[in-house]
Amino acid sequence: EVTGQLRAPFIVQGGQVFINYAMIDTAFIQNLVLGMTLRSSAVNAKGQPLLEINIPQGMLTLRSSGAGGSTTLNNNGLLVLDEADSVRLRAGNLALLKSGS
């Protein structure tokens, strides 16, 4: 979209480089510190990302590409849901491991 506004592709501030938008084919990163949630661009039939890594919560979720359920692993245990989001397997600290957490 052409708006007539000037946008800097990157800014150097306080010894850090901030990039507005980047597409990188291959990257070799020595030390990567993440503080956000990473989500795949591919989604399932429910519109949810097939892979979701929630760094602050220490949680990894893998979803079926169709409507076939999901598997979540976090610091409380392992949770497997079927296509109707019914619990099929729950292992670990059962008091803390709940659907969607």
N, C-alpha and C. Protein backbone atom coordinates (compact mmCIF):
# COMPACT_ATOMS: atom_id res chain seq x y z
N GLU A 1 0.85 -1.17 0.00
CA GLU A 1 0.00 0.00 0.00
C GLU A 1 0.89 1.23 0.00
N VAL A 2 0.63 2.16 -0.84
CA VAL A 2 1.38 3.40 -0.92
C VAL A 2 0.63 4.46 -0.13
N THR A 3 1.26 4.97 0.93
CA THR A 3 0.61 5.97 1.78
C THR A 3 1.29 7.33 1.71
N GLY A 4 2.46 7.38 1.11
CA GLY A 4 3.20 8.63 1.06
C GLY A 4 4.03 8.88 2.31
N GLN A 5 3.92 7.97 3.30
CA GLN A 5 4.70 8.12 4.51
C GLN A 5 6.06 7.46 4.34
N LEU A 6 7.09 8.10 4.86
CA LEU A 6 8.43 7.56 4.82
C LEU A 6 8.62 6.63 6.00
N ARG A 7 9.07 5.39 5.72
CA ARG A 7 9.30 4.41 6.78
C ARG A 7 10.73 3.91 6.68
N ALA A 8 11.42 3.95 7.80
CA ALA A 8 12.80 3.46 7.83
C ALA A 8 12.78 1.94 7.86
N PRO A 9 13.59 1.28 7.02
CA PRO A 9 13.62 -0.18 7.03
C PRO A 9 14.22 -0.74 8.32
N PHE A 10 15.12 0.02 8.94
CA PHE A 10 15.69 -0.39 10.22
C PHE A 10 16.15 0.85 10.97
N ILE A 11 16.29 0.70 12.29
CA ILE A 11 16.72 1.79 13.16
C ILE A 11 17.81 1.25 14.08
N VAL A 12 18.86 2.02 14.26
CA VAL A 12 19.90 1.68 15.23
C VAL A 12 19.71 2.62 16.41
N GLN A 13 19.50 2.01 17.59
CA GLN A 13 19.24 2.81 18.78
C GLN A 13 19.87 2.14 19.99
N GLY A 14 20.70 2.85 20.70
CA GLY A 14 21.32 2.31 21.91
C GLY A 14 22.14 1.06 21.66
N GLY A 15 22.80 0.96 20.51
CA GLY A 15 23.61 -0.20 20.19
C GLY A 15 22.82 -1.41 19.72
N GLN A 16 21.52 -1.25 19.51
CA GLN A 16 20.67 -2.33 19.01
C GLN A 16 20.11 -1.95 17.64
N VAL A 17 19.87 -2.97 16.82
CA VAL A 17 19.27 -2.76 15.50
C VAL A 17 17.84 -3.29 15.55
N PHE A 18 16.89 -2.45 15.17
CA PHE A 18 15.49 -2.82 15.10
C PHE A 18 15.09 -2.86 13.63
N ILE A 19 14.59 -4.02 13.19
CA ILE A 19 14.19 -4.21 11.79
C ILE A 19 12.68 -4.29 11.75
N ASN A 20 12.07 -3.48 10.88
CA ASN A 20 10.62 -3.43 10.79
C ASN A 20 10.03 -4.73 10.24
N TYR A 21 10.61 -5.28 9.20
CA TYR A 21 10.10 -6.49 8.56
C TYR A 21 11.25 -7.16 7.85
N ALA A 22 11.39 -8.48 8.03
CA ALA A 22 12.50 -9.18 7.39
C ALA A 22 12.07 -10.56 6.95
N MET A 23 12.51 -10.98 5.79
CA MET A 23 12.35 -12.34 5.32
C MET A 23 13.75 -12.89 5.13
N ILE A 24 14.06 -13.93 5.89
CA ILE A 24 15.41 -14.49 5.90
C ILE A 24 15.34 -15.92 5.40
N ASP A 25 16.12 -16.25 4.41
CA ASP A 25 16.11 -17.60 3.86
C ASP A 25 16.81 -18.58 4.79
N THR A 26 18.01 -18.27 5.19
CA THR A 26 18.79 -19.12 6.08
C THR A 26 19.48 -18.25 7.10
N ALA A 27 19.43 -18.67 8.37
CA ALA A 27 20.10 -17.91 9.42
C ALA A 27 20.80 -18.87 10.37
N PHE A 28 22.01 -18.57 10.70
CA PHE A 28 22.75 -19.30 11.71
C PHE A 28 22.94 -18.33 12.87
N ILE A 29 22.29 -18.61 13.98
CA ILE A 29 22.30 -17.70 15.13
C ILE A 29 23.02 -18.39 16.28
N GLN A 30 24.05 -17.76 16.78
CA GLN A 30 24.86 -18.34 17.85
C GLN A 30 24.09 -18.40 19.17
N ASN A 31 23.39 -17.34 19.53
CA ASN A 31 22.68 -17.25 20.80
C ASN A 31 21.36 -16.54 20.56
N LEU A 32 20.24 -17.23 20.79
CA LEU A 32 18.91 -16.67 20.54
C LEU A 32 18.14 -16.67 21.85
N VAL A 33 17.66 -15.52 22.26
CA VAL A 33 16.88 -15.39 23.48
C VAL A 33 15.47 -14.99 23.07
N LEU A 34 14.49 -15.83 23.44
CA LEU A 34 13.11 -15.58 23.04
C LEU A 34 12.26 -15.24 24.26
N GLY A 35 11.34 -14.35 24.09
CA GLY A 35 10.44 -13.98 25.17
C GLY A 35 9.02 -13.84 24.70
N MET A 36 8.66 -14.60 23.66
CA MET A 36 7.32 -14.47 23.08
C MET A 36 6.80 -15.84 22.69
N THR A 37 5.67 -15.86 22.04
CA THR A 37 5.09 -17.11 21.53
C THR A 37 5.40 -17.24 20.05
N LEU A 38 5.92 -18.39 19.64
CA LEU A 38 6.18 -18.68 18.24
C LEU A 38 5.03 -19.54 17.72
N ARG A 39 4.48 -19.19 16.55
CA ARG A 39 3.38 -19.93 15.97
C ARG A 39 3.68 -20.21 14.50
N SER A 40 3.29 -21.40 14.05
CA SER A 40 3.46 -21.73 12.64
C SER A 40 2.43 -20.95 11.82
N SER A 41 2.77 -20.67 10.58
CA SER A 41 1.80 -20.01 9.71
C SER A 41 0.73 -20.99 9.24
N ALA A 42 1.06 -22.29 9.23
CA ALA A 42 0.07 -23.31 8.86
C ALA A 42 -0.90 -23.50 10.01
N VAL A 43 -2.18 -23.60 9.70
CA VAL A 43 -3.21 -23.76 10.72
C VAL A 43 -4.03 -25.01 10.47
N ASN A 44 -4.74 -25.47 11.51
CA ASN A 44 -5.60 -26.63 11.36
C ASN A 44 -7.00 -26.20 10.92
N ALA A 45 -7.94 -27.14 10.88
CA ALA A 45 -9.30 -26.85 10.44
C ALA A 45 -10.02 -25.87 11.36
N LYS A 46 -9.53 -25.71 12.59
CA LYS A 46 -10.13 -24.78 13.54
C LYS A 46 -9.46 -23.41 13.52
N GLY A 47 -8.48 -23.23 12.62
CA GLY A 47 -7.77 -21.96 12.51
C GLY A 47 -6.66 -21.78 13.52
N GLN A 48 -6.29 -22.85 14.22
CA GLN A 48 -5.23 -22.78 15.22
C GLN A 48 -3.91 -23.20 14.59
N PRO A 49 -2.78 -22.59 15.01
CA PRO A 49 -1.48 -22.96 14.45
C PRO A 49 -1.15 -24.43 14.72
N LEU A 50 -0.53 -25.10 13.74
CA LEU A 50 -0.15 -26.50 13.92
C LEU A 50 0.94 -26.65 14.97
N LEU A 51 1.78 -25.67 15.10
CA LEU A 51 2.85 -25.68 16.10
C LEU A 51 2.82 -24.36 16.85
N GLU A 52 2.82 -24.43 18.17
CA GLU A 52 2.82 -23.23 18.99
C GLU A 52 3.77 -23.45 20.16
N ILE A 53 4.74 -22.56 20.30
CA ILE A 53 5.69 -22.63 21.40
C ILE A 53 5.54 -21.35 22.22
N ASN A 54 4.97 -21.48 23.39
CA ASN A 54 4.77 -20.34 24.28
C ASN A 54 5.96 -20.29 25.23
N ILE A 55 6.92 -19.45 24.92
CA ILE A 55 8.17 -19.37 25.67
C ILE A 55 7.93 -18.93 27.12
N PRO A 56 7.18 -17.85 27.37
CA PRO A 56 6.99 -17.42 28.77
C PRO A 56 6.33 -18.49 29.65
N GLN A 57 5.43 -19.30 29.09
CA GLN A 57 4.76 -20.34 29.87
C GLN A 57 5.47 -21.69 29.81
N GLY A 58 6.51 -21.81 28.97
CA GLY A 58 7.22 -23.07 28.84
C GLY A 58 6.32 -24.17 28.30
N MET A 59 5.57 -23.87 27.23
CA MET A 59 4.57 -24.80 26.72
C MET A 59 4.72 -25.01 25.22
N LEU A 60 4.64 -26.28 24.81
CA LEU A 60 4.72 -26.67 23.41
C LEU A 60 3.41 -27.37 23.04
N THR A 61 2.76 -26.90 21.96
CA THR A 61 1.52 -27.53 21.50
C THR A 61 1.66 -27.91 20.03
N LEU A 62 1.34 -29.17 19.75
CA LEU A 62 1.31 -29.69 18.37
C LEU A 62 -0.13 -30.04 18.06
N ARG A 63 -0.62 -29.61 16.89
CA ARG A 63 -2.00 -29.87 16.51
C ARG A 63 -2.06 -30.64 15.20
N SER A 64 -3.10 -31.44 15.06
CA SER A 64 -3.34 -32.16 13.82
C SER A 64 -3.64 -31.15 12.72
N SER A 65 -3.27 -31.46 11.48
CA SER A 65 -3.53 -30.53 10.39
C SER A 65 -5.02 -30.47 10.04
N GLY A 66 -5.77 -31.49 10.40
CA GLY A 66 -7.23 -31.45 10.20
C GLY A 66 -7.90 -30.99 11.47
N ALA A 67 -8.92 -31.70 11.87
CA ALA A 67 -9.61 -31.37 13.12
C ALA A 67 -9.31 -32.43 14.16
N GLY A 68 -8.16 -33.10 14.04
CA GLY A 68 -7.88 -34.30 14.81
C GLY A 68 -7.24 -34.16 16.17
N GLY A 69 -7.36 -33.07 16.86
CA GLY A 69 -6.85 -33.00 18.22
C GLY A 69 -5.49 -32.36 18.34
N SER A 70 -4.95 -32.44 19.58
CA SER A 70 -3.68 -31.78 19.86
C SER A 70 -2.94 -32.47 21.00
N THR A 71 -1.66 -32.15 21.09
CA THR A 71 -0.81 -32.62 22.18
C THR A 71 -0.10 -31.40 22.76
N THR A 72 -0.19 -31.25 24.08
CA THR A 72 0.46 -30.13 24.76
C THR A 72 1.42 -30.68 25.81
N LEU A 73 2.63 -30.14 25.81
CA LEU A 73 3.65 -30.50 26.78
C LEU A 73 4.09 -29.22 27.47
N ASN A 74 4.02 -29.21 28.82
CA ASN A 74 4.54 -28.07 29.56
C ASN A 74 5.20 -28.57 30.83
N ASN A 75 5.58 -27.64 31.70
CA ASN A 75 6.31 -28.04 32.90
C ASN A 75 5.43 -28.76 33.92
N ASN A 76 4.13 -28.89 33.67
CA ASN A 76 3.23 -29.65 34.53
C ASN A 76 2.98 -31.06 34.03
N GLY A 77 3.21 -31.31 32.73
CA GLY A 77 3.00 -32.65 32.21
C GLY A 77 2.63 -32.66 30.74
N LEU A 78 1.88 -33.70 30.37
CA LEU A 78 1.51 -33.96 28.98
C LEU A 78 0.00 -34.09 28.90
N LEU A 79 -0.60 -33.44 27.90
CA LEU A 79 -2.04 -33.47 27.70
C LEU A 79 -2.32 -33.77 26.24
N VAL A 80 -3.14 -34.81 25.97
CA VAL A 80 -3.53 -35.16 24.61
C VAL A 80 -5.04 -35.04 24.51
N LEU A 81 -5.50 -34.24 23.52
CA LEU A 81 -6.93 -34.03 23.28
C LEU A 81 -7.31 -34.63 21.94
N ASP A 82 -8.54 -35.14 21.83
CA ASP A 82 -9.02 -35.65 20.54
C ASP A 82 -9.67 -34.52 19.75
N GLU A 83 -10.29 -34.88 18.62
CA GLU A 83 -10.88 -33.86 17.73
C GLU A 83 -12.01 -33.08 18.38
N ALA A 84 -12.64 -33.62 19.43
CA ALA A 84 -13.71 -32.93 20.14
C ALA A 84 -13.18 -32.20 21.38
N ASP A 85 -11.86 -32.10 21.49
CA ASP A 85 -11.19 -31.48 22.64
C ASP A 85 -11.46 -32.23 23.94
N SER A 86 -11.76 -33.53 23.86
CA SER A 86 -11.90 -34.37 25.04
C SER A 86 -10.53 -34.91 25.42
N VAL A 87 -10.26 -34.97 26.71
CA VAL A 87 -8.96 -35.44 27.20
C VAL A 87 -8.83 -36.93 26.92
N ARG A 88 -7.75 -37.32 26.24
CA ARG A 88 -7.45 -38.72 25.96
C ARG A 88 -6.28 -39.22 26.80
N LEU A 89 -5.38 -38.30 27.19
CA LEU A 89 -4.25 -38.66 28.03
C LEU A 89 -3.85 -37.44 28.84
N ARG A 90 -3.65 -37.66 30.11
CA ARG A 90 -3.16 -36.59 30.99
C ARG A 90 -2.13 -37.23 31.90
N ALA A 91 -0.90 -36.73 31.86
CA ALA A 91 0.18 -37.30 32.67
C ALA A 91 0.97 -36.16 33.30
N GLY A 92 1.39 -36.35 34.53
CA GLY A 92 2.17 -35.33 35.22
C GLY A 92 1.44 -34.83 36.43
N ASN A 93 1.57 -33.56 36.73
CA ASN A 93 0.90 -32.94 37.87
C ASN A 93 -0.55 -32.67 37.48
N LEU A 94 -1.42 -33.60 37.75
CA LEU A 94 -2.81 -33.54 37.29
C LEU A 94 -3.59 -32.38 37.89
N ALA A 95 -3.19 -31.90 39.04
CA ALA A 95 -3.89 -30.77 39.65
C ALA A 95 -3.65 -29.49 38.86
N LEU A 96 -2.50 -29.40 38.18
CA LEU A 96 -2.16 -28.18 37.44
C LEU A 96 -2.33 -28.31 35.94
N LEU A 97 -2.35 -29.51 35.41
CA LEU A 97 -2.43 -29.72 33.96
C LEU A 97 -3.88 -29.76 33.54
N LYS A 98 -4.33 -28.69 32.88
CA LYS A 98 -5.72 -28.59 32.44
C LYS A 98 -5.77 -28.33 30.96
N SER A 99 -6.89 -28.61 30.35
CA SER A 99 -7.09 -28.36 28.93
C SER A 99 -6.85 -26.89 28.62
N GLY A 100 -6.00 -26.63 27.62
CA GLY A 100 -5.73 -25.26 27.19
C GLY A 100 -4.75 -24.51 28.06
N SER A 101 -4.11 -25.17 29.03
CA SER A 101 -3.13 -24.46 29.86
C SER A 101 -1.79 -25.14 29.84
